[in-house]
Amino acid sequence: MSTERFEITAQDSCQILQFNLPPMLDSIEVDSLIDSVLKQVEAGAGGRWVVDLSHTEYLGSSMLGLFVNLREKIRHSGGKLVLCGMSPALTRIFRTCCLERLFTIVKSRGDAVNIIKHL
């Protein structure tokens, strides 16, 4: 599944959710994006998921909420989730919000694919 703002592909028995987000999104775009992502992930929530943020520089509170919702959907379905590709700015945002405690976060997509096999 591919849209302008995100793409889901398969790699080594994992689903890769790659975000391609500009620095600014209006609230209508954010709401539409959140709905689209949740619908797409819901079908395979019990699997292994890697969220690649290497093309994303900033996430607002609504998008941070999406990640918490994704985590819960995937976890309750017996799936696993790893985040990767976070810029220093995104890492600071996650730390400021204490979200690094909720997620497994690694540097690269390759690292994420390797580690998720052992979770």
PDB file of N, CA and C in Angstrom:
ATOM      1  N   MET A   1       0.855  -1.187   0.000  1.00  0.00           N
ATOM      2  CA  MET A   1       0.000   0.000   0.000  1.00  0.00           C
ATOM      3  C   MET A   1       0.889   1.234   0.000  1.00  0.00           C
ATOM      4  N   SER A   2       0.601   2.156  -0.887  1.00  0.00           N
ATOM      5  CA  SER A   2       1.394   3.374  -0.969  1.00  0.00           C
ATOM      6  C   SER A   2       0.471   4.572  -1.130  1.00  0.00           C
ATOM      7  N   THR A   3       0.764   5.607  -0.391  1.00  0.00           N
ATOM      8  CA  THR A   3       0.099   6.892  -0.575  1.00  0.00           C
ATOM      9  C   THR A   3       1.199   7.928  -0.662  1.00  0.00           C
ATOM     10  N   GLU A   4       0.809   9.161  -0.784  1.00  0.00           N
ATOM     11  CA  GLU A   4       1.797  10.233  -0.840  1.00  0.00           C
ATOM     12  C   GLU A   4       2.578  10.359   0.464  1.00  0.00           C
ATOM     13  N   ARG A   5       1.947  10.076   1.601  1.00  0.00           N
ATOM     14  CA  ARG A   5       2.546  10.316   2.915  1.00  0.00           C
ATOM     15  C   ARG A   5       3.129   9.072   3.591  1.00  0.00           C
ATOM     16  N   PHE A   6       2.714   7.872   3.161  1.00  0.00           N
ATOM     17  CA  PHE A   6       3.283   6.661   3.748  1.00  0.00           C
ATOM     18  C   PHE A   6       3.208   5.509   2.750  1.00  0.00           C
ATOM     19  N   GLU A   7       4.033   4.507   3.007  1.00  0.00           N
ATOM     20  CA  GLU A   7       4.079   3.321   2.163  1.00  0.00           C
ATOM     21  C   GLU A   7       4.282   2.111   3.059  1.00  0.00           C
ATOM     22  N   ILE A   8       3.580   1.038   2.762  1.00  0.00           N
ATOM     23  CA  ILE A   8       3.761  -0.213   3.483  1.00  0.00           C
ATOM     24  C   ILE A   8       4.277  -1.251   2.499  1.00  0.00           C
ATOM     25  N   THR A   9       5.419  -1.837   2.837  1.00  0.00           N
ATOM     26  CA  THR A   9       6.013  -2.886   2.017  1.00  0.00           C
ATOM     27  C   THR A   9       6.401  -4.047   2.922  1.00  0.00           C
ATOM     28  N   ALA A  10       6.715  -5.179   2.317  1.00  0.00           N
ATOM     29  CA  ALA A  10       7.156  -6.346   3.074  1.00  0.00           C
ATOM     30  C   ALA A  10       8.660  -6.531   2.887  1.00  0.00           C
ATOM     31  N   GLN A  11       9.315  -6.930   3.973  1.00  0.00           N
ATOM     32  CA  GLN A  11      10.747  -7.226   3.919  1.00  0.00           C
ATOM     33  C   GLN A  11      11.066  -8.247   5.000  1.00  0.00           C
ATOM     34  N   ASP A  12      11.588  -9.392   4.622  1.00  0.00           N
ATOM     35  CA  ASP A  12      12.011 -10.420   5.574  1.00  0.00           C
ATOM     36  C   ASP A  12      10.939 -10.721   6.619  1.00  0.00           C
ATOM     37  N   SER A  13       9.757 -11.041   6.187  1.00  0.00           N
ATOM     38  CA  SER A  13       8.612 -11.393   7.045  1.00  0.00           C
ATOM     39  C   SER A  13       8.197 -10.260   7.999  1.00  0.00           C
ATOM     40  N   CYS A  14       8.537  -9.034   7.644  1.00  0.00           N
ATOM     41  CA  CYS A  14       8.123  -7.851   8.403  1.00  0.00           C
ATOM     42  C   CYS A  14       7.351  -6.926   7.474  1.00  0.00           C
ATOM     43  N   GLN A  15       6.465  -6.159   8.062  1.00  0.00           N
ATOM     44  CA  GLN A  15       5.806  -5.088   7.337  1.00  0.00           C
ATOM     45  C   GLN A  15       6.558  -3.800   7.654  1.00  0.00           C
ATOM     46  N   ILE A  16       6.971  -3.106   6.618  1.00  0.00           N
ATOM     47  CA  ILE A  16       7.700  -1.844   6.789  1.00  0.00           C
ATOM     48  C   ILE A  16       6.732  -0.703   6.496  1.00  0.00           C
ATOM     49  N   LEU A  17       6.529   0.138   7.482  1.00  0.00           N
ATOM     50  CA  LEU A  17       5.703   1.336   7.332  1.00  0.00           C
ATOM     51  C   LEU A  17       6.656   2.519   7.242  1.00  0.00           C
ATOM     52  N   GLN A  18       6.820   3.041   6.028  1.00  0.00           N
ATOM     53  CA  GLN A  18       7.739   4.155   5.764  1.00  0.00           C
ATOM     54  C   GLN A  18       6.933   5.442   5.661  1.00  0.00           C
ATOM     55  N   PHE A  19       7.197   6.391   6.539  1.00  0.00           N
ATOM     56  CA  PHE A  19       6.535   7.687   6.465  1.00  0.00           C
ATOM     57  C   PHE A  19       7.362   8.643   5.623  1.00  0.00           C
ATOM     58  N   ASN A  20       6.681   9.478   4.852  1.00  0.00           N
ATOM     59  CA  ASN A  20       7.309  10.534   4.048  1.00  0.00           C
ATOM     60  C   ASN A  20       6.570  11.832   4.366  1.00  0.00           C
ATOM     61  N   LEU A  21       6.904  12.414   5.497  1.00  0.00           N
ATOM     62  CA  LEU A  21       6.137  13.550   5.993  1.00  0.00           C
ATOM     63  C   LEU A  21       6.913  14.854   5.884  1.00  0.00           C
ATOM     64  N   PRO A  22       6.249  15.892   5.390  1.00  0.00           N
ATOM     65  CA  PRO A  22       6.874  17.216   5.365  1.00  0.00           C
ATOM     66  C   PRO A  22       6.882  17.796   6.778  1.00  0.00           C
ATOM     67  N   PRO A  23       7.631  18.872   6.991  1.00  0.00           N
ATOM     68  CA  PRO A  23       7.682  19.480   8.324  1.00  0.00           C
ATOM     69  C   PRO A  23       6.327  19.969   8.828  1.00  0.00           C
ATOM     70  N   MET A  24       5.441  20.349   7.931  1.00  0.00           N
ATOM     71  CA  MET A  24       4.134  20.881   8.348  1.00  0.00           C
ATOM     72  C   MET A  24       3.016  20.146   7.619  1.00  0.00           C
ATOM     73  N   LEU A  25       2.010  19.751   8.376  1.00  0.00           N
ATOM     74  CA  LEU A  25       0.779  19.190   7.828  1.00  0.00           C
ATOM     75  C   LEU A  25      -0.382  19.899   8.502  1.00  0.00           C
ATOM     76  N   ASP A  26      -1.435  20.204   7.742  1.00  0.00           N
ATOM     77  CA  ASP A  26      -2.583  20.812   8.397  1.00  0.00           C
ATOM     78  C   ASP A  26      -3.403  19.729   9.089  1.00  0.00           C
ATOM     79  N   SER A  27      -4.308  20.140   9.949  1.00  0.00           N
ATOM     80  CA  SER A  27      -5.047  19.194  10.790  1.00  0.00           C
ATOM     81  C   SER A  27      -5.906  18.236   9.965  1.00  0.00           C
ATOM     82  N   ILE A  28      -6.427  18.679   8.841  1.00  0.00           N
ATOM     83  CA  ILE A  28      -7.227  17.798   7.983  1.00  0.00           C
ATOM     84  C   ILE A  28      -6.342  16.702   7.397  1.00  0.00           C
ATOM     85  N   GLU A  29      -5.146  17.076   6.929  1.00  0.00           N
ATOM     86  CA  GLU A  29      -4.207  16.083   6.397  1.00  0.00           C
ATOM     87  C   GLU A  29      -3.795  15.087   7.473  1.00  0.00           C
ATOM     88  N   VAL A  30      -3.533  15.576   8.675  1.00  0.00           N
ATOM     89  CA  VAL A  30      -3.123  14.707   9.774  1.00  0.00           C
ATOM     90  C   VAL A  30      -4.233  13.719  10.107  1.00  0.00           C
ATOM     91  N   ASP A  31      -5.458  14.192  10.228  1.00  0.00           N
ATOM     92  CA  ASP A  31      -6.581  13.306  10.543  1.00  0.00           C
ATOM     93  C   ASP A  31      -6.763  12.239   9.470  1.00  0.00           C
ATOM     94  N   SER A  32      -6.669  12.629   8.220  1.00  0.00           N
ATOM     95  CA  SER A  32      -6.809  11.686   7.110  1.00  0.00           C
ATOM     96  C   SER A  32      -5.672  10.663   7.121  1.00  0.00           C
ATOM     97  N   LEU A  33      -4.463  11.135   7.375  1.00  0.00           N
ATOM     98  CA  LEU A  33      -3.303  10.251   7.439  1.00  0.00           C
ATOM     99  C   LEU A  33      -3.457   9.236   8.563  1.00  0.00           C
ATOM    100  N   ILE A  34      -3.855   9.689   9.726  1.00  0.00           N
ATOM    101  CA  ILE A  34      -4.023   8.796  10.873  1.00  0.00           C
ATOM    102  C   ILE A  34      -5.067   7.724  10.556  1.00  0.00           C
ATOM    103  N   ASP A  35      -6.193   8.123   9.996  1.00  0.00           N
ATOM    104  CA  ASP A  35      -7.231   7.153   9.636  1.00  0.00           C
ATOM    105  C   ASP A  35      -6.712   6.129   8.635  1.00  0.00           C
ATOM    106  N   SER A  36      -6.011   6.594   7.614  1.00  0.00           N
ATOM    107  CA  SER A  36      -5.490   5.696   6.579  1.00  0.00           C
ATOM    108  C   SER A  36      -4.479   4.705   7.147  1.00  0.00           C
ATOM    109  N   VAL A  37      -3.566   5.203   7.962  1.00  0.00           N
ATOM    110  CA  VAL A  37      -2.541   4.322   8.537  1.00  0.00           C
ATOM    111  C   VAL A  37      -3.181   3.281   9.442  1.00  0.00           C
ATOM    112  N   LEU A  38      -4.072   3.692  10.322  1.00  0.00           N
ATOM    113  CA  LEU A  38      -4.705   2.744  11.242  1.00  0.00           C
ATOM    114  C   LEU A  38      -5.491   1.679  10.499  1.00  0.00           C
ATOM    115  N   LYS A  39      -6.189   2.047   9.431  1.00  0.00           N
ATOM    116  CA  LYS A  39      -6.936   1.071   8.636  1.00  0.00           C
ATOM    117  C   LYS A  39      -6.000   0.061   7.981  1.00  0.00           C
ATOM    118  N   GLN A  40      -4.887   0.535   7.452  1.00  0.00           N
ATOM    119  CA  GLN A  40      -3.956  -0.361   6.778  1.00  0.00           C
ATOM    120  C   GLN A  40      -3.249  -1.299   7.754  1.00  0.00           C
ATOM    121  N   VAL A  41      -2.884  -0.789   8.911  1.00  0.00           N
ATOM    122  CA  VAL A  41      -2.160  -1.594   9.893  1.00  0.00           C
ATOM    123  C   VAL A  41      -3.093  -2.605  10.563  1.00  0.00           C
ATOM    124  N   GLU A  42      -4.331  -2.241  10.743  1.00  0.00           N
ATOM    125  CA  GLU A  42      -5.279  -3.100  11.450  1.00  0.00           C
ATOM    126  C   GLU A  42      -5.376  -4.494  10.834  1.00  0.00           C
ATOM    127  N   ALA A  43      -5.329  -4.583   9.526  1.00  0.00           N
ATOM    128  CA  ALA A  43      -5.467  -5.869   8.835  1.00  0.00           C
ATOM    129  C   ALA A  43      -4.341  -6.844   9.199  1.00  0.00           C
ATOM    130  N   GLY A  44      -3.149  -6.335   9.437  1.00  0.00           N
ATOM    131  CA  GLY A  44      -2.015  -7.199   9.746  1.00  0.00           C
ATOM    132  C   GLY A  44      -1.374  -6.891  11.072  1.00  0.00           C
ATOM    133  N   ALA A  45      -2.157  -6.392  12.022  1.00  0.00           N
ATOM    134  CA  ALA A  45      -1.618  -5.908  13.291  1.00  0.00           C
ATOM    135  C   ALA A  45      -0.880  -6.985  14.069  1.00  0.00           C
ATOM    136  N   GLY A  46      -1.212  -8.251  13.867  1.00  0.00           N
ATOM    137  CA  GLY A  46      -0.569  -9.320  14.618  1.00  0.00           C
ATOM    138  C   GLY A  46       0.811  -9.689  14.131  1.00  0.00           C
ATOM    139  N   GLY A  47       1.295  -9.032  13.109  1.00  0.00           N
ATOM    140  CA  GLY A  47       2.597  -9.357  12.544  1.00  0.00           C
ATOM    141  C   GLY A  47       3.732  -8.542  13.136  1.00  0.00           C
ATOM    142  N   ARG A  48       4.844  -8.582  12.437  1.00  0.00           N
ATOM    143  CA  ARG A  48       6.026  -7.813  12.823  1.00  0.00           C
ATOM    144  C   ARG A  48       6.040  -6.525  12.009  1.00  0.00           C
ATOM    145  N   TRP A  49       6.147  -5.399  12.711  1.00  0.00           N
ATOM    146  CA  TRP A  49       6.088  -4.088  12.074  1.00  0.00           C
ATOM    147  C   TRP A  49       7.337  -3.275  12.375  1.00  0.00           C
ATOM    148  N   VAL A  50       7.873  -2.669  11.324  1.00  0.00           N
ATOM    149  CA  VAL A  50       8.975  -1.708  11.445  1.00  0.00           C
ATOM    150  C   VAL A  50       8.444  -0.384  10.914  1.00  0.00           C
ATOM    151  N   VAL A  51       8.548   0.657  11.719  1.00  0.00           N
ATOM    152  CA  VAL A  51       8.167   1.996  11.275  1.00  0.00           C
ATOM    153  C   VAL A  51       9.456   2.764  11.014  1.00  0.00           C
ATOM    154  N   ASP A  52       9.644   3.121   9.752  1.00  0.00           N
ATOM    155  CA  ASP A  52      10.851   3.821   9.314  1.00  0.00           C
ATOM    156  C   ASP A  52      10.542   5.317   9.218  1.00  0.00           C
ATOM    157  N   LEU A  53      11.233   6.094  10.031  1.00  0.00           N
ATOM    158  CA  LEU A  53      11.020   7.546  10.092  1.00  0.00           C
ATOM    159  C   LEU A  53      12.175   8.332   9.473  1.00  0.00           C
ATOM    160  N   SER A  54      12.942   7.665   8.611  1.00  0.00           N
ATOM    161  CA  SER A  54      14.120   8.330   8.052  1.00  0.00           C
ATOM    162  C   SER A  54      13.782   9.485   7.113  1.00  0.00           C
ATOM    163  N   HIS A  55      12.541   9.578   6.647  1.00  0.00           N
ATOM    164  CA  HIS A  55      12.118  10.695   5.797  1.00  0.00           C
ATOM    165  C   HIS A  55      11.167  11.632   6.535  1.00  0.00           C
ATOM    166  N   THR A  56      11.329  11.703   7.846  1.00  0.00           N
ATOM    167  CA  THR A  56      10.454  12.528   8.677  1.00  0.00           C
ATOM    168  C   THR A  56      11.310  13.325   9.650  1.00  0.00           C
ATOM    169  N   GLU A  57      11.130  14.626   9.661  1.00  0.00           N
ATOM    170  CA  GLU A  57      11.916  15.477  10.542  1.00  0.00           C
ATOM    171  C   GLU A  57      11.169  15.909  11.795  1.00  0.00           C
ATOM    172  N   TYR A  58       9.837  15.948  11.727  1.00  0.00           N
ATOM    173  CA  TYR A  58       9.072  16.462  12.852  1.00  0.00           C
ATOM    174  C   TYR A  58       7.744  15.719  12.950  1.00  0.00           C
ATOM    175  N   LEU A  59       7.287  15.491  14.177  1.00  0.00           N
ATOM    176  CA  LEU A  59       5.972  14.907  14.431  1.00  0.00           C
ATOM    177  C   LEU A  59       5.277  15.744  15.495  1.00  0.00           C
ATOM    178  N   GLY A  60       4.060  16.165  15.213  1.00  0.00           N
ATOM    179  CA  GLY A  60       3.261  16.892  16.193  1.00  0.00           C
ATOM    180  C   GLY A  60       2.577  15.922  17.131  1.00  0.00           C
ATOM    181  N   SER A  61       1.818  16.473  18.052  1.00  0.00           N
ATOM    182  CA  SER A  61       1.184  15.646  19.083  1.00  0.00           C
ATOM    183  C   SER A  61       0.199  14.640  18.509  1.00  0.00           C
ATOM    184  N   SER A  62      -0.523  14.996  17.469  1.00  0.00           N
ATOM    185  CA  SER A  62      -1.468  14.052  16.864  1.00  0.00           C
ATOM    186  C   SER A  62      -0.739  12.848  16.285  1.00  0.00           C
ATOM    187  N   MET A  63       0.381  13.092  15.636  1.00  0.00           N
ATOM    188  CA  MET A  63       1.159  11.987  15.060  1.00  0.00           C
ATOM    189  C   MET A  63       1.809  11.150  16.157  1.00  0.00           C
ATOM    190  N   LEU A  64       2.243  11.777  17.227  1.00  0.00           N
ATOM    191  CA  LEU A  64       2.773  11.009  18.352  1.00  0.00           C
ATOM    192  C   LEU A  64       1.688  10.104  18.928  1.00  0.00           C
ATOM    193  N   GLY A  65       0.466  10.633  18.989  1.00  0.00           N
ATOM    194  CA  GLY A  65      -0.664   9.825  19.423  1.00  0.00           C
ATOM    195  C   GLY A  65      -0.893   8.636  18.502  1.00  0.00           C
ATOM    196  N   LEU A  66      -0.684   8.833  17.206  1.00  0.00           N
ATOM    197  CA  LEU A  66      -0.805   7.726  16.254  1.00  0.00           C
ATOM    198  C   LEU A  66       0.158   6.601  16.619  1.00  0.00           C
ATOM    199  N   PHE A  67       1.381   6.946  16.973  1.00  0.00           N
ATOM    200  CA  PHE A  67       2.359   5.909  17.306  1.00  0.00           C
ATOM    201  C   PHE A  67       1.955   5.128  18.545  1.00  0.00           C
ATOM    202  N   VAL A  68       1.407   5.805  19.523  1.00  0.00           N
ATOM    203  CA  VAL A  68       0.923   5.112  20.716  1.00  0.00           C
ATOM    204  C   VAL A  68      -0.240   4.191  20.337  1.00  0.00           C
ATOM    205  N   ASN A  69      -1.150   4.674  19.497  1.00  0.00           N
ATOM    206  CA  ASN A  69      -2.261   3.833  19.035  1.00  0.00           C
ATOM    207  C   ASN A  69      -1.770   2.635  18.238  1.00  0.00           C
ATOM    208  N   LEU A  70      -0.800   2.853  17.356  1.00  0.00           N
ATOM    209  CA  LEU A  70      -0.219   1.745  16.591  1.00  0.00           C
ATOM    210  C   LEU A  70       0.368   0.700  17.520  1.00  0.00           C
ATOM    211  N   ARG A  71       1.119   1.172  18.495  1.00  0.00           N
ATOM    212  CA  ARG A  71       1.743   0.257  19.454  1.00  0.00           C
ATOM    213  C   ARG A  71       0.683  -0.602  20.132  1.00  0.00           C
ATOM    214  N   GLU A  72      -0.390   0.017  20.571  1.00  0.00           N
ATOM    215  CA  GLU A  72      -1.438  -0.721  21.274  1.00  0.00           C
ATOM    216  C   GLU A  72      -2.142  -1.716  20.354  1.00  0.00           C
ATOM    217  N   LYS A  73      -2.487  -1.290  19.142  1.00  0.00           N
ATOM    218  CA  LYS A  73      -3.140  -2.194  18.191  1.00  0.00           C
ATOM    219  C   LYS A  73      -2.267  -3.408  17.902  1.00  0.00           C
ATOM    220  N   ILE A  74      -1.007  -3.150  17.621  1.00  0.00           N
ATOM    221  CA  ILE A  74      -0.091  -4.229  17.268  1.00  0.00           C
ATOM    222  C   ILE A  74       0.148  -5.133  18.464  1.00  0.00           C
ATOM    223  N   ARG A  75       0.392  -4.564  19.611  1.00  0.00           N
ATOM    224  CA  ARG A  75       0.649  -5.341  20.824  1.00  0.00           C
ATOM    225  C   ARG A  75      -0.547  -6.204  21.219  1.00  0.00           C
ATOM    226  N   HIS A  76      -1.749  -5.646  21.178  1.00  0.00           N
ATOM    227  CA  HIS A  76      -2.946  -6.401  21.556  1.00  0.00           C
ATOM    228  C   HIS A  76      -3.273  -7.506  20.564  1.00  0.00           C
ATOM    229  N   SER A  77      -2.737  -7.402  19.357  1.00  0.00           N
ATOM    230  CA  SER A  77      -2.950  -8.450  18.357  1.00  0.00           C
ATOM    231  C   SER A  77      -1.826  -9.479  18.365  1.00  0.00           C
ATOM    232  N   GLY A  78      -0.900  -9.335  19.305  1.00  0.00           N
ATOM    233  CA  GLY A  78       0.216 -10.279  19.398  1.00  0.00           C
ATOM    234  C   GLY A  78       1.380  -9.954  18.493  1.00  0.00           C
ATOM    235  N   GLY A  79       1.373  -8.767  17.903  1.00  0.00           N
ATOM    236  CA  GLY A  79       2.442  -8.368  17.002  1.00  0.00           C
ATOM    237  C   GLY A  79       3.587  -7.671  17.724  1.00  0.00           C
ATOM    238  N   LYS A  80       4.578  -7.307  16.953  1.00  0.00           N
ATOM    239  CA  LYS A  80       5.771  -6.621  17.454  1.00  0.00           C
ATOM    240  C   LYS A  80       6.001  -5.360  16.636  1.00  0.00           C
ATOM    241  N   LEU A  81       6.585  -4.342  17.273  1.00  0.00           N
ATOM    242  CA  LEU A  81       6.811  -3.055  16.630  1.00  0.00           C
ATOM    243  C   LEU A  81       8.182  -2.515  17.007  1.00  0.00           C
ATOM    244  N   VAL A  82       8.917  -2.054  15.991  1.00  0.00           N
ATOM    245  CA  VAL A  82      10.212  -1.406  16.195  1.00  0.00           C
ATOM    246  C   VAL A  82      10.227  -0.136  15.348  1.00  0.00           C
ATOM    247  N   LEU A  83      10.737   0.948  15.927  1.00  0.00           N
ATOM    248  CA  LEU A  83      10.894   2.213  15.208  1.00  0.00           C
ATOM    249  C   LEU A  83      12.354   2.376  14.797  1.00  0.00           C
ATOM    250  N   CYS A  84      12.575   2.988  13.643  1.00  0.00           N
ATOM    251  CA  CYS A  84      13.949   3.218  13.198  1.00  0.00           C
ATOM    252  C   CYS A  84      14.032   4.498  12.376  1.00  0.00           C
ATOM    253  N   GLY A  85      15.262   4.911  12.119  1.00  0.00           N
ATOM    254  CA  GLY A  85      15.514   6.041  11.240  1.00  0.00           C
ATOM    255  C   GLY A  85      15.167   7.396  11.818  1.00  0.00           C
ATOM    256  N   MET A  86      15.150   7.503  13.132  1.00  0.00           N
ATOM    257  CA  MET A  86      14.754   8.765  13.754  1.00  0.00           C
ATOM    258  C   MET A  86      15.897   9.775  13.716  1.00  0.00           C
ATOM    259  N   SER A  87      15.561  10.987  13.304  1.00  0.00           N
ATOM    260  CA  SER A  87      16.531  12.075  13.310  1.00  0.00           C
ATOM    261  C   SER A  87      16.818  12.467  14.758  1.00  0.00           C
ATOM    262  N   PRO A  88      17.895  13.226  14.998  1.00  0.00           N
ATOM    263  CA  PRO A  88      18.145  13.717  16.354  1.00  0.00           C
ATOM    264  C   PRO A  88      16.970  14.526  16.904  1.00  0.00           C
ATOM    265  N   ALA A  89      16.308  15.310  16.046  1.00  0.00           N
ATOM    266  CA  ALA A  89      15.163  16.103  16.506  1.00  0.00           C
ATOM    267  C   ALA A  89      14.011  15.198  16.942  1.00  0.00           C
ATOM    268  N   LEU A  90      13.722  14.159  16.172  1.00  0.00           N
ATOM    269  CA  LEU A  90      12.660  13.223  16.558  1.00  0.00           C
ATOM    270  C   LEU A  90      13.022  12.475  17.834  1.00  0.00           C
ATOM    271  N   THR A  91      14.265  12.114  17.959  1.00  0.00           N
ATOM    272  CA  THR A  91      14.716  11.426  19.175  1.00  0.00           C
ATOM    273  C   THR A  91      14.484  12.312  20.395  1.00  0.00           C
ATOM    274  N   ARG A  92      14.779  13.599  20.277  1.00  0.00           N
ATOM    275  CA  ARG A  92      14.546  14.535  21.381  1.00  0.00           C
ATOM    276  C   ARG A  92      13.058  14.637  21.707  1.00  0.00           C
ATOM    277  N   ILE A  93      12.226  14.692  20.677  1.00  0.00           N
ATOM    278  CA  ILE A  93      10.775  14.766  20.893  1.00  0.00           C
ATOM    279  C   ILE A  93      10.302  13.522  21.652  1.00  0.00           C
ATOM    280  N   PHE A  94      10.739  12.348  21.224  1.00  0.00           N
ATOM    281  CA  PHE A  94      10.327  11.112  21.899  1.00  0.00           C
ATOM    282  C   PHE A  94      10.819  11.089  23.342  1.00  0.00           C
ATOM    283  N   ARG A  95      12.036  11.552  23.565  1.00  0.00           N
ATOM    284  CA  ARG A  95      12.561  11.581  24.940  1.00  0.00           C
ATOM    285  C   ARG A  95      11.809  12.590  25.795  1.00  0.00           C
ATOM    286  N   THR A  96      11.543  13.758  25.260  1.00  0.00           N
ATOM    287  CA  THR A  96      10.814  14.791  26.003  1.00  0.00           C
ATOM    288  C   THR A  96       9.448  14.285  26.440  1.00  0.00           C
ATOM    289  N   CYS A  97       8.807  13.518  25.578  1.00  0.00           N
ATOM    290  CA  CYS A  97       7.469  12.971  25.876  1.00  0.00           C
ATOM    291  C   CYS A  97       7.535  11.622  26.582  1.00  0.00           C
ATOM    292  N   CYS A  98       8.743  11.171  26.927  1.00  0.00           N
ATOM    293  CA  CYS A  98       8.968   9.875  27.580  1.00  0.00           C
ATOM    294  C   CYS A  98       8.456   8.701  26.747  1.00  0.00           C
ATOM    295  N   LEU A  99       8.398   8.860  25.439  1.00  0.00           N
ATOM    296  CA  LEU A  99       7.920   7.793  24.566  1.00  0.00           C
ATOM    297  C   LEU A  99       8.988   6.749  24.274  1.00  0.00           C
ATOM    298  N   GLU A 100      10.246   7.084  24.513  1.00  0.00           N
ATOM    299  CA  GLU A 100      11.295   6.095  24.259  1.00  0.00           C
ATOM    300  C   GLU A 100      11.150   4.896  25.189  1.00  0.00           C
ATOM    301  N   ARG A 101      10.402   5.051  26.284  1.00  0.00           N
ATOM    302  CA  ARG A 101      10.150   3.942  27.208  1.00  0.00           C
ATOM    303  C   ARG A 101       9.143   2.943  26.641  1.00  0.00           C
ATOM    304  N   LEU A 102       8.297   3.399  25.721  1.00  0.00           N
ATOM    305  CA  LEU A 102       7.242   2.546  25.172  1.00  0.00           C
ATOM    306  C   LEU A 102       7.678   1.760  23.940  1.00  0.00           C
ATOM    307  N   PHE A 103       8.714   2.244  23.264  1.00  0.00           N
ATOM    308  CA  PHE A 103       9.087   1.688  21.976  1.00  0.00           C
ATOM    309  C   PHE A 103      10.502   1.139  21.970  1.00  0.00           C
ATOM    310  N   THR A 104      10.703   0.131  21.128  1.00  0.00           N
ATOM    311  CA  THR A 104      12.053  -0.293  20.780  1.00  0.00           C
ATOM    312  C   THR A 104      12.466   0.598  19.614  1.00  0.00           C
ATOM    313  N   ILE A 105      13.561   1.327  19.796  1.00  0.00           N
ATOM    314  CA  ILE A 105      14.022   2.280  18.782  1.00  0.00           C
ATOM    315  C   ILE A 105      15.458   1.938  18.416  1.00  0.00           C
ATOM    316  N   VAL A 106      15.707   1.764  17.124  1.00  0.00           N
ATOM    317  CA  VAL A 106      17.051   1.483  16.625  1.00  0.00           C
ATOM    318  C   VAL A 106      17.380   2.458  15.503  1.00  0.00           C
ATOM    319  N   LYS A 107      18.638   2.482  15.103  1.00  0.00           N
ATOM    320  CA  LYS A 107      19.081   3.462  14.118  1.00  0.00           C
ATOM    321  C   LYS A 107      18.579   3.191  12.702  1.00  0.00           C
ATOM    322  N   SER A 108      18.803   1.983  12.200  1.00  0.00           N
ATOM    323  CA  SER A 108      18.546   1.723  10.785  1.00  0.00           C
ATOM    324  C   SER A 108      17.442   0.697  10.560  1.00  0.00           C
ATOM    325  N   ARG A 109      16.934   0.687   9.342  1.00  0.00           N
ATOM    326  CA  ARG A 109      15.926  -0.302   8.970  1.00  0.00           C
ATOM    327  C   ARG A 109      16.498  -1.714   9.078  1.00  0.00           C
ATOM    328  N   GLY A 110      17.727  -1.892   8.660  1.00  0.00           N
ATOM    329  CA  GLY A 110      18.370  -3.201   8.763  1.00  0.00           C
ATOM    330  C   GLY A 110      18.434  -3.681  10.207  1.00  0.00           C
ATOM    331  N   ASP A 111      18.820  -2.792  11.105  1.00  0.00           N
ATOM    332  CA  ASP A 111      18.853  -3.132  12.527  1.00  0.00           C
ATOM    333  C   ASP A 111      17.458  -3.504  13.023  1.00  0.00           C
ATOM    334  N   ALA A 112      16.451  -2.745  12.587  1.00  0.00           N
ATOM    335  CA  ALA A 112      15.077  -3.005  13.026  1.00  0.00           C
ATOM    336  C   ALA A 112      14.601  -4.371  12.555  1.00  0.00           C
ATOM    337  N   VAL A 113      14.861  -4.694  11.291  1.00  0.00           N
ATOM    338  CA  VAL A 113      14.444  -5.984  10.753  1.00  0.00           C
ATOM    339  C   VAL A 113      15.141  -7.118  11.495  1.00  0.00           C
ATOM    340  N   ASN A 114      16.407  -6.946  11.807  1.00  0.00           N
ATOM    341  CA  ASN A 114      17.149  -7.984  12.532  1.00  0.00           C
ATOM    342  C   ASN A 114      16.654  -8.147  13.973  1.00  0.00           C
ATOM    343  N   ILE A 115      16.435  -7.050  14.660  1.00  0.00           N
ATOM    344  CA  ILE A 115      16.050  -7.134  16.075  1.00  0.00           C
ATOM    345  C   ILE A 115      14.619  -7.629  16.249  1.00  0.00           C
ATOM    346  N   ILE A 116      13.727  -7.299  15.330  1.00  0.00           N
ATOM    347  CA  ILE A 116      12.327  -7.667  15.510  1.00  0.00           C
ATOM    348  C   ILE A 116      12.140  -9.190  15.421  1.00  0.00           C
ATOM    349  N   LYS A 117      13.048  -9.867  14.796  1.00  0.00           N
ATOM    350  CA  LYS A 117      12.982 -11.321  14.706  1.00  0.00           C
ATOM    351  C   LYS A 117      13.183 -11.962  16.073  1.00  0.00           C
ATOM    352  N   HIS A 118      13.819 -11.233  16.990  1.00  0.00           N
ATOM    353  CA  HIS A 118      14.162 -11.781  18.313  1.00  0.00           C
ATOM    354  C   HIS A 118      13.277 -11.244  19.433  1.00  0.00           C
ATOM    355  N   LEU A 119      12.302 -10.423  19.099  1.00  0.00           N
ATOM    356  CA  LEU A 119      11.402  -9.884  20.136  1.00  0.00           C
ATOM    357  C   LEU A 119      10.250 -10.838  20.381  1.00  0.00           C
TER     358      LEU A 119
END
